[in-house]
Amino acid sequence: LNHRRLDSRLHDVDLDMAIMALVQAHTDGAVLRTSSNSRLDHIMDLAPKRAGAPPECVPTHPPTPPSLWAGGSARTSPRPLSVSRPAP
């Protein structure tokens, strides 16, 4: 909500702001903002500074190696993928 150049076909910023105001009204201000000078200033309070180190983001499931995708990689597959249409 705080960034410009949102795709207006996918986002209606005024509707998004109305939803955030409704959430704030029904949760007694449970959602906080992390920066100032935005459209969110009049809707929500500023979050307090976090003490200590930032949280460490560790994936819960390691990514699948490409060699296991669809039964093998293109180099080891007996038939490479074709991107052209067959002849009529």
PDB file of N, CA and C in Angstrom:
ATOM      1  N   LEU A   1       0.810  -1.199   0.000  1.00  0.00           N
ATOM      2  CA  LEU A   1       0.000   0.000   0.000  1.00  0.00           C
ATOM      3  C   LEU A   1       0.852   1.261   0.000  1.00  0.00           C
ATOM      4  N   ASN A   2       2.104   1.112   0.340  1.00  0.00           N
ATOM      5  CA  ASN A   2       2.950   2.283   0.481  1.00  0.00           C
ATOM      6  C   ASN A   2       3.781   2.540  -0.770  1.00  0.00           C
ATOM      7  N   HIS A   3       3.676   1.674  -1.779  1.00  0.00           N
ATOM      8  CA  HIS A   3       4.503   1.823  -2.978  1.00  0.00           C
ATOM      9  C   HIS A   3       3.684   2.376  -4.135  1.00  0.00           C
ATOM     10  N   ARG A   4       4.296   3.174  -4.921  1.00  0.00           N
ATOM     11  CA  ARG A   4       3.634   3.724  -6.108  1.00  0.00           C
ATOM     12  C   ARG A   4       3.748   2.725  -7.253  1.00  0.00           C
ATOM     13  N   ARG A   5       3.023   2.976  -8.295  1.00  0.00           N
ATOM     14  CA  ARG A   5       3.015   2.179  -9.519  1.00  0.00           C
ATOM     15  C   ARG A   5       2.476   0.770  -9.305  1.00  0.00           C
ATOM     16  N   LEU A   6       1.496   0.627  -8.421  1.00  0.00           N
ATOM     17  CA  LEU A   6       0.814  -0.654  -8.308  1.00  0.00           C
ATOM     18  C   LEU A   6      -0.014  -0.854  -9.563  1.00  0.00           C
ATOM     19  N   ASP A   7      -0.204  -2.083  -9.943  1.00  0.00           N
ATOM     20  CA  ASP A   7      -1.020  -2.386 -11.105  1.00  0.00           C
ATOM     21  C   ASP A   7      -2.477  -2.104 -10.741  1.00  0.00           C
ATOM     22  N   SER A   8      -3.037  -1.051 -11.280  1.00  0.00           N
ATOM     23  CA  SER A   8      -4.398  -0.646 -10.910  1.00  0.00           C
ATOM     24  C   SER A   8      -5.444  -1.648 -11.383  1.00  0.00           C
ATOM     25  N   ARG A   9      -5.079  -2.546 -12.290  1.00  0.00           N
ATOM     26  CA  ARG A   9      -6.024  -3.595 -12.698  1.00  0.00           C
ATOM     27  C   ARG A   9      -6.164  -4.645 -11.604  1.00  0.00           C
ATOM     28  N   LEU A  10      -5.147  -4.768 -10.753  1.00  0.00           N
ATOM     29  CA  LEU A  10      -5.155  -5.768  -9.689  1.00  0.00           C
ATOM     30  C   LEU A  10      -5.408  -5.165  -8.316  1.00  0.00           C
ATOM     31  N   HIS A  11      -5.091  -3.878  -8.143  1.00  0.00           N
ATOM     32  CA  HIS A  11      -5.215  -3.233  -6.829  1.00  0.00           C
ATOM     33  C   HIS A  11      -6.020  -1.955  -6.943  1.00  0.00           C
ATOM     34  N   ASP A  12      -6.961  -1.806  -6.054  1.00  0.00           N
ATOM     35  CA  ASP A  12      -7.658  -0.548  -5.867  1.00  0.00           C
ATOM     36  C   ASP A  12      -7.163  -0.024  -4.522  1.00  0.00           C
ATOM     37  N   VAL A  13      -6.284   0.953  -4.545  1.00  0.00           N
ATOM     38  CA  VAL A  13      -5.639   1.430  -3.322  1.00  0.00           C
ATOM     39  C   VAL A  13      -6.668   1.940  -2.317  1.00  0.00           C
ATOM     40  N   ASP A  14      -7.707   2.606  -2.789  1.00  0.00           N
ATOM     41  CA  ASP A  14      -8.730   3.097  -1.862  1.00  0.00           C
ATOM     42  C   ASP A  14      -9.456   1.941  -1.180  1.00  0.00           C
ATOM     43  N   LEU A  15      -9.737   0.878  -1.923  1.00  0.00           N
ATOM     44  CA  LEU A  15     -10.359  -0.299  -1.320  1.00  0.00           C
ATOM     45  C   LEU A  15      -9.398  -0.956  -0.328  1.00  0.00           C
ATOM     46  N   ASP A  16      -8.123  -1.073  -0.700  1.00  0.00           N
ATOM     47  CA  ASP A  16      -7.126  -1.642   0.217  1.00  0.00           C
ATOM     48  C   ASP A  16      -7.052  -0.836   1.517  1.00  0.00           C
ATOM     49  N   MET A  17      -7.094   0.480   1.406  1.00  0.00           N
ATOM     50  CA  MET A  17      -7.044   1.325   2.599  1.00  0.00           C
ATOM     51  C   MET A  17      -8.300   1.143   3.450  1.00  0.00           C
ATOM     52  N   ALA A  18      -9.452   1.015   2.807  1.00  0.00           N
ATOM     53  CA  ALA A  18     -10.699   0.794   3.544  1.00  0.00           C
ATOM     54  C   ALA A  18     -10.659  -0.541   4.284  1.00  0.00           C
ATOM     55  N   ILE A  19     -10.097  -1.560   3.643  1.00  0.00           N
ATOM     56  CA  ILE A  19      -9.975  -2.876   4.292  1.00  0.00           C
ATOM     57  C   ILE A  19      -9.040  -2.777   5.493  1.00  0.00           C
ATOM     58  N   MET A  20      -7.902  -2.084   5.347  1.00  0.00           N
ATOM     59  CA  MET A  20      -6.965  -1.939   6.458  1.00  0.00           C
ATOM     60  C   MET A  20      -7.608  -1.163   7.608  1.00  0.00           C
ATOM     61  N   ALA A  21      -8.393  -0.139   7.304  1.00  0.00           N
ATOM     62  CA  ALA A  21      -9.077   0.623   8.354  1.00  0.00           C
ATOM     63  C   ALA A  21     -10.099  -0.257   9.072  1.00  0.00           C
ATOM     64  N   LEU A  22     -10.790  -1.105   8.326  1.00  0.00           N
ATOM     65  CA  LEU A  22     -11.762  -2.021   8.927  1.00  0.00           C
ATOM     66  C   LEU A  22     -11.061  -3.040   9.830  1.00  0.00           C
ATOM     67  N   VAL A  23      -9.937  -3.578   9.364  1.00  0.00           N
ATOM     68  CA  VAL A  23      -9.165  -4.523  10.183  1.00  0.00           C
ATOM     69  C   VAL A  23      -8.713  -3.838  11.469  1.00  0.00           C
ATOM     70  N   GLN A  24      -8.216  -2.630  11.365  1.00  0.00           N
ATOM     71  CA  GLN A  24      -7.761  -1.895  12.549  1.00  0.00           C
ATOM     72  C   GLN A  24      -8.907  -1.656  13.523  1.00  0.00           C
ATOM     73  N   ALA A  25     -10.074  -1.318  13.001  1.00  0.00           N
ATOM     74  CA  ALA A  25     -11.221  -1.029  13.864  1.00  0.00           C
ATOM     75  C   ALA A  25     -11.691  -2.274  14.612  1.00  0.00           C
ATOM     76  N   HIS A  26     -11.583  -3.426  13.980  1.00  0.00           N
ATOM     77  CA  HIS A  26     -12.090  -4.658  14.593  1.00  0.00           C
ATOM     78  C   HIS A  26     -11.036  -5.431  15.382  1.00  0.00           C
ATOM     79  N   THR A  27      -9.774  -4.983  15.353  1.00  0.00           N
ATOM     80  CA  THR A  27      -8.716  -5.685  16.100  1.00  0.00           C
ATOM     81  C   THR A  27      -8.059  -4.792  17.136  1.00  0.00           C
ATOM     82  N   ASP A  28      -8.639  -3.644  17.390  1.00  0.00           N
ATOM     83  CA  ASP A  28      -8.075  -2.677  18.346  1.00  0.00           C
ATOM     84  C   ASP A  28      -6.633  -2.311  18.015  1.00  0.00           C
ATOM     85  N   GLY A  29      -6.333  -2.134  16.742  1.00  0.00           N
ATOM     86  CA  GLY A  29      -5.009  -1.688  16.324  1.00  0.00           C
ATOM     87  C   GLY A  29      -3.942  -2.753  16.367  1.00  0.00           C
ATOM     88  N   ALA A  30      -4.280  -3.979  16.015  1.00  0.00           N
ATOM     89  CA  ALA A  30      -3.324  -5.088  16.086  1.00  0.00           C
ATOM     90  C   ALA A  30      -2.247  -5.011  15.001  1.00  0.00           C
ATOM     91  N   VAL A  31      -2.534  -4.339  13.893  1.00  0.00           N
ATOM     92  CA  VAL A  31      -1.567  -4.222  12.805  1.00  0.00           C
ATOM     93  C   VAL A  31      -0.850  -2.889  12.944  1.00  0.00           C
ATOM     94  N   LEU A  32       0.480  -2.924  12.892  1.00  0.00           N
ATOM     95  CA  LEU A  32       1.286  -1.714  13.042  1.00  0.00           C
ATOM     96  C   LEU A  32       2.083  -1.467  11.777  1.00  0.00           C
ATOM     97  N   ARG A  33       2.447  -0.214  11.539  1.00  0.00           N
ATOM     98  CA  ARG A  33       3.256   0.124  10.359  1.00  0.00           C
ATOM     99  C   ARG A  33       4.727   0.247  10.749  1.00  0.00           C
ATOM    100  N   THR A  34       5.602   0.118   9.774  1.00  0.00           N
ATOM    101  CA  THR A  34       7.039   0.167  10.052  1.00  0.00           C
ATOM    102  C   THR A  34       7.704   1.446   9.581  1.00  0.00           C
ATOM    103  N   SER A  35       6.977   2.305   8.873  1.00  0.00           N
ATOM    104  CA  SER A  35       7.589   3.547   8.397  1.00  0.00           C
ATOM    105  C   SER A  35       6.589   4.697   8.531  1.00  0.00           C
ATOM    106  N   SER A  36       7.119   5.904   8.408  1.00  0.00           N
ATOM    107  CA  SER A  36       6.286   7.102   8.507  1.00  0.00           C
ATOM    108  C   SER A  36       6.115   7.739   7.140  1.00  0.00           C
ATOM    109  N   ASN A  37       5.273   8.758   7.105  1.00  0.00           N
ATOM    110  CA  ASN A  37       5.019   9.521   5.885  1.00  0.00           C
ATOM    111  C   ASN A  37       4.428   8.658   4.780  1.00  0.00           C
ATOM    112  N   SER A  38       3.422   7.868   5.131  1.00  0.00           N
ATOM    113  CA  SER A  38       2.734   7.052   4.141  1.00  0.00           C
ATOM    114  C   SER A  38       1.236   7.228   4.315  1.00  0.00           C
ATOM    115  N   ARG A  39       0.468   6.650   3.432  1.00  0.00           N
ATOM    116  CA  ARG A  39      -0.991   6.721   3.541  1.00  0.00           C
ATOM    117  C   ARG A  39      -1.493   5.968   4.775  1.00  0.00           C
ATOM    118  N   LEU A  40      -0.661   5.120   5.335  1.00  0.00           N
ATOM    119  CA  LEU A  40      -1.071   4.333   6.499  1.00  0.00           C
ATOM    120  C   LEU A  40      -0.964   5.115   7.810  1.00  0.00           C
ATOM    121  N   ASP A  41      -0.346   6.289   7.788  1.00  0.00           N
ATOM    122  CA  ASP A  41      -0.119   7.060   9.015  1.00  0.00           C
ATOM    123  C   ASP A  41      -1.397   7.330   9.795  1.00  0.00           C
ATOM    124  N   HIS A  42      -2.482   7.663   9.118  1.00  0.00           N
ATOM    125  CA  HIS A  42      -3.716   8.020   9.826  1.00  0.00           C
ATOM    126  C   HIS A  42      -4.542   6.801  10.219  1.00  0.00           C
ATOM    127  N   ILE A  43      -4.149   5.609   9.750  1.00  0.00           N
ATOM    128  CA  ILE A  43      -4.909   4.396  10.052  1.00  0.00           C
ATOM    129  C   ILE A  43      -4.285   3.598  11.199  1.00  0.00           C
ATOM    130  N   MET A  44      -2.962   3.488  11.208  1.00  0.00           N
ATOM    131  CA  MET A  44      -2.321   2.624  12.208  1.00  0.00           C
ATOM    132  C   MET A  44      -1.146   3.299  12.885  1.00  0.00           C
ATOM    133  N   ASP A  45      -0.835   2.799  14.067  1.00  0.00           N
ATOM    134  CA  ASP A  45       0.280   3.321  14.853  1.00  0.00           C
ATOM    135  C   ASP A  45       1.609   2.777  14.332  1.00  0.00           C
ATOM    136  N   LEU A  46       2.668   3.478  14.697  1.00  0.00           N
ATOM    137  CA  LEU A  46       4.015   3.074  14.332  1.00  0.00           C
ATOM    138  C   LEU A  46       4.474   1.941  15.257  1.00  0.00           C
ATOM    139  N   ALA A  47       5.035   0.904  14.703  1.00  0.00           N
ATOM    140  CA  ALA A  47       5.524  -0.226  15.495  1.00  0.00           C
ATOM    141  C   ALA A  47       6.738   0.213  16.308  1.00  0.00           C
ATOM    142  N   PRO A  48       6.897  -0.315  17.516  1.00  0.00           N
ATOM    143  CA  PRO A  48       8.085   0.028  18.307  1.00  0.00           C
ATOM    144  C   PRO A  48       9.329  -0.601  17.695  1.00  0.00           C
ATOM    145  N   LYS A  49      10.477   0.004  17.986  1.00  0.00           N
ATOM    146  CA  LYS A  49      11.748  -0.548  17.502  1.00  0.00           C
ATOM    147  C   LYS A  49      11.969  -1.910  18.134  1.00  0.00           C
ATOM    148  N   ARG A  50      12.444  -2.856  17.335  1.00  0.00           N
ATOM    149  CA  ARG A  50      12.719  -4.210  17.820  1.00  0.00           C
ATOM    150  C   ARG A  50      14.064  -4.221  18.538  1.00  0.00           C
ATOM    151  N   ALA A  51      14.088  -4.847  19.689  1.00  0.00           N
ATOM    152  CA  ALA A  51      15.344  -4.986  20.433  1.00  0.00           C
ATOM    153  C   ALA A  51      16.035  -6.281  20.004  1.00  0.00           C
ATOM    154  N   GLY A  52      17.343  -6.254  19.940  1.00  0.00           N
ATOM    155  CA  GLY A  52      18.095  -7.458  19.613  1.00  0.00           C
ATOM    156  C   GLY A  52      18.269  -7.655  18.119  1.00  0.00           C
ATOM    157  N   ALA A  53      18.720  -8.842  17.768  1.00  0.00           N
ATOM    158  CA  ALA A  53      18.999  -9.179  16.369  1.00  0.00           C
ATOM    159  C   ALA A  53      17.691  -9.423  15.609  1.00  0.00           C
ATOM    160  N   PRO A  54      17.703  -9.151  14.310  1.00  0.00           N
ATOM    161  CA  PRO A  54      16.507  -9.424  13.517  1.00  0.00           C
ATOM    162  C   PRO A  54      16.262 -10.926  13.426  1.00  0.00           C
ATOM    163  N   PRO A  55      15.033 -11.329  13.156  1.00  0.00           N
ATOM    164  CA  PRO A  55      14.757 -12.766  13.055  1.00  0.00           C
ATOM    165  C   PRO A  55      15.483 -13.382  11.866  1.00  0.00           C
ATOM    166  N   GLU A  56      15.873 -14.626  12.019  1.00  0.00           N
ATOM    167  CA  GLU A  56      16.560 -15.335  10.938  1.00  0.00           C
ATOM    168  C   GLU A  56      15.513 -16.078  10.114  1.00  0.00           C
ATOM    169  N   CYS A  57      15.520 -15.828   8.817  1.00  0.00           N
ATOM    170  CA  CYS A  57      14.561 -16.472   7.917  1.00  0.00           C
ATOM    171  C   CYS A  57      15.183 -17.747   7.364  1.00  0.00           C
ATOM    172  N   VAL A  58      14.665 -18.874   7.800  1.00  0.00           N
ATOM    173  CA  VAL A  58      15.158 -20.170   7.347  1.00  0.00           C
ATOM    174  C   VAL A  58      14.005 -20.898   6.670  1.00  0.00           C
ATOM    175  N   PRO A  59      14.202 -21.367   5.428  1.00  0.00           N
ATOM    176  CA  PRO A  59      13.125 -22.088   4.759  1.00  0.00           C
ATOM    177  C   PRO A  59      12.739 -23.344   5.535  1.00  0.00           C
ATOM    178  N   THR A  60      11.447 -23.616   5.619  1.00  0.00           N
ATOM    179  CA  THR A  60      10.999 -24.803   6.335  1.00  0.00           C
ATOM    180  C   THR A  60      11.185 -26.060   5.496  1.00  0.00           C
ATOM    181  N   HIS A  61      11.126 -25.920   4.187  1.00  0.00           N
ATOM    182  CA  HIS A  61      11.344 -27.052   3.288  1.00  0.00           C
ATOM    183  C   HIS A  61      12.435 -26.651   2.301  1.00  0.00           C
ATOM    184  N   PRO A  62      13.547 -27.370   2.270  1.00  0.00           N
ATOM    185  CA  PRO A  62      14.587 -26.993   1.313  1.00  0.00           C
ATOM    186  C   PRO A  62      14.078 -27.149  -0.121  1.00  0.00           C
ATOM    187  N   PRO A  63      14.591 -26.338  -1.038  1.00  0.00           N
ATOM    188  CA  PRO A  63      14.124 -26.432  -2.421  1.00  0.00           C
ATOM    189  C   PRO A  63      14.486 -27.775  -3.049  1.00  0.00           C
ATOM    190  N   THR A  64      13.675 -28.208  -3.985  1.00  0.00           N
ATOM    191  CA  THR A  64      13.930 -29.457  -4.703  1.00  0.00           C
ATOM    192  C   THR A  64      15.010 -29.214  -5.747  1.00  0.00           C
ATOM    193  N   PRO A  65      16.022 -30.080  -5.820  1.00  0.00           N
ATOM    194  CA  PRO A  65      17.054 -29.884  -6.842  1.00  0.00           C
ATOM    195  C   PRO A  65      16.456 -30.048  -8.246  1.00  0.00           C
ATOM    196  N   PRO A  66      16.900 -29.242  -9.199  1.00  0.00           N
ATOM    197  CA  PRO A  66      16.361 -29.329 -10.557  1.00  0.00           C
ATOM    198  C   PRO A  66      16.477 -30.723 -11.165  1.00  0.00           C
ATOM    199  N   SER A  67      17.462 -31.502 -10.740  1.00  0.00           N
ATOM    200  CA  SER A  67      17.625 -32.838 -11.321  1.00  0.00           C
ATOM    201  C   SER A  67      16.443 -33.747 -11.012  1.00  0.00           C
ATOM    202  N   LEU A  68      15.628 -33.402 -10.004  1.00  0.00           N
ATOM    203  CA  LEU A  68      14.472 -34.217  -9.652  1.00  0.00           C
ATOM    204  C   LEU A  68      13.175 -33.719 -10.280  1.00  0.00           C
ATOM    205  N   TRP A  69      13.217 -32.591 -10.967  1.00  0.00           N
ATOM    206  CA  TRP A  69      12.014 -32.050 -11.590  1.00  0.00           C
ATOM    207  C   TRP A  69      11.597 -32.930 -12.749  1.00  0.00           C
ATOM    208  N   ALA A  70      10.382 -33.322 -12.814  1.00  0.00           N
ATOM    209  CA  ALA A  70       9.784 -34.066 -13.926  1.00  0.00           C
ATOM    210  C   ALA A  70      10.620 -35.276 -14.312  1.00  0.00           C
ATOM    211  N   GLY A  71      11.166 -35.963 -13.355  1.00  0.00           N
ATOM    212  CA  GLY A  71      11.875 -37.201 -13.649  1.00  0.00           C
ATOM    213  C   GLY A  71      13.291 -37.049 -14.147  1.00  0.00           C
ATOM    214  N   GLY A  72      13.866 -35.887 -14.120  1.00  0.00           N
ATOM    215  CA  GLY A  72      15.257 -35.725 -14.552  1.00  0.00           C
ATOM    216  C   GLY A  72      15.475 -34.396 -15.227  1.00  0.00           C
ATOM    217  N   SER A  73      16.706 -34.021 -15.373  1.00  0.00           N
ATOM    218  CA  SER A  73      17.018 -32.745 -16.025  1.00  0.00           C
ATOM    219  C   SER A  73      17.033 -32.950 -17.531  1.00  0.00           C
ATOM    220  N   ALA A  74      17.067 -31.871 -18.275  1.00  0.00           N
ATOM    221  CA  ALA A  74      17.072 -31.946 -19.736  1.00  0.00           C
ATOM    222  C   ALA A  74      18.325 -32.635 -20.255  1.00  0.00           C
ATOM    223  N   ARG A  75      19.439 -32.528 -19.537  1.00  0.00           N
ATOM    224  CA  ARG A  75      20.675 -33.153 -20.011  1.00  0.00           C
ATOM    225  C   ARG A  75      20.619 -34.669 -19.874  1.00  0.00           C
ATOM    226  N   THR A  76      19.964 -35.175 -18.840  1.00  0.00           N
ATOM    227  CA  THR A  76      19.957 -36.622 -18.631  1.00  0.00           C
ATOM    228  C   THR A  76      18.687 -37.282 -19.135  1.00  0.00           C
ATOM    229  N   SER A  77      17.730 -36.478 -19.594  1.00  0.00           N
ATOM    230  CA  SER A  77      16.485 -37.034 -20.087  1.00  0.00           C
ATOM    231  C   SER A  77      16.716 -37.749 -21.414  1.00  0.00           C
ATOM    232  N   PRO A  78      16.078 -38.918 -21.644  1.00  0.00           N
ATOM    233  CA  PRO A  78      16.283 -39.620 -22.911  1.00  0.00           C
ATOM    234  C   PRO A  78      15.748 -38.831 -24.099  1.00  0.00           C
ATOM    235  N   ARG A  79      14.726 -37.986 -23.873  1.00  0.00           N
ATOM    236  CA  ARG A  79      14.165 -37.176 -24.946  1.00  0.00           C
ATOM    237  C   ARG A  79      14.137 -35.719 -24.522  1.00  0.00           C
ATOM    238  N   PRO A  80      14.877 -34.843 -25.181  1.00  0.00           N
ATOM    239  CA  PRO A  80      14.820 -33.430 -24.798  1.00  0.00           C
ATOM    240  C   PRO A  80      13.436 -32.853 -25.096  1.00  0.00           C
ATOM    241  N   LEU A  81      13.075 -31.835 -24.338  1.00  0.00           N
ATOM    242  CA  LEU A  81      11.791 -31.185 -24.558  1.00  0.00           C
ATOM    243  C   LEU A  81      11.773 -30.492 -25.906  1.00  0.00           C
ATOM    244  N   SER A  82      10.662 -30.579 -26.597  1.00  0.00           N
ATOM    245  CA  SER A  82      10.528 -29.945 -27.895  1.00  0.00           C
ATOM    246  C   SER A  82       9.655 -28.720 -27.748  1.00  0.00           C
ATOM    247  N   VAL A  83      10.071 -27.616 -28.334  1.00  0.00           N
ATOM    248  CA  VAL A  83       9.288 -26.396 -28.254  1.00  0.00           C
ATOM    249  C   VAL A  83       8.594 -26.096 -29.593  1.00  0.00           C
ATOM    250  N   SER A  84       8.829 -26.905 -30.620  1.00  0.00           N
ATOM    251  CA  SER A  84       8.183 -26.683 -31.898  1.00  0.00           C
ATOM    252  C   SER A  84       7.026 -27.649 -32.071  1.00  0.00           C
ATOM    253  N   ARG A  85       6.086 -27.281 -32.938  1.00  0.00           N
ATOM    254  CA  ARG A  85       4.938 -28.142 -33.199  1.00  0.00           C
ATOM    255  C   ARG A  85       5.336 -29.229 -34.191  1.00  0.00           C
ATOM    256  N   PRO A  86       4.708 -30.390 -34.082  1.00  0.00           N
ATOM    257  CA  PRO A  86       5.019 -31.450 -35.051  1.00  0.00           C
ATOM    258  C   PRO A  86       4.542 -31.066 -36.442  1.00  0.00           C
ATOM    259  N   ALA A  87       5.178 -31.600 -37.419  1.00  0.00           N
ATOM    260  CA  ALA A  87       4.810 -31.318 -38.809  1.00  0.00           C
ATOM    261  C   ALA A  87       3.428 -31.903 -39.103  1.00  0.00           C
ATOM    262  N   PRO A  88       2.627 -31.217 -39.932  1.00  0.00           N
ATOM    263  CA  PRO A  88       1.274 -31.733 -40.225  1.00  0.00           C
ATOM    264  C   PRO A  88       1.295 -32.977 -41.096  1.00  0.00           C
TER     265      PRO A  88
END
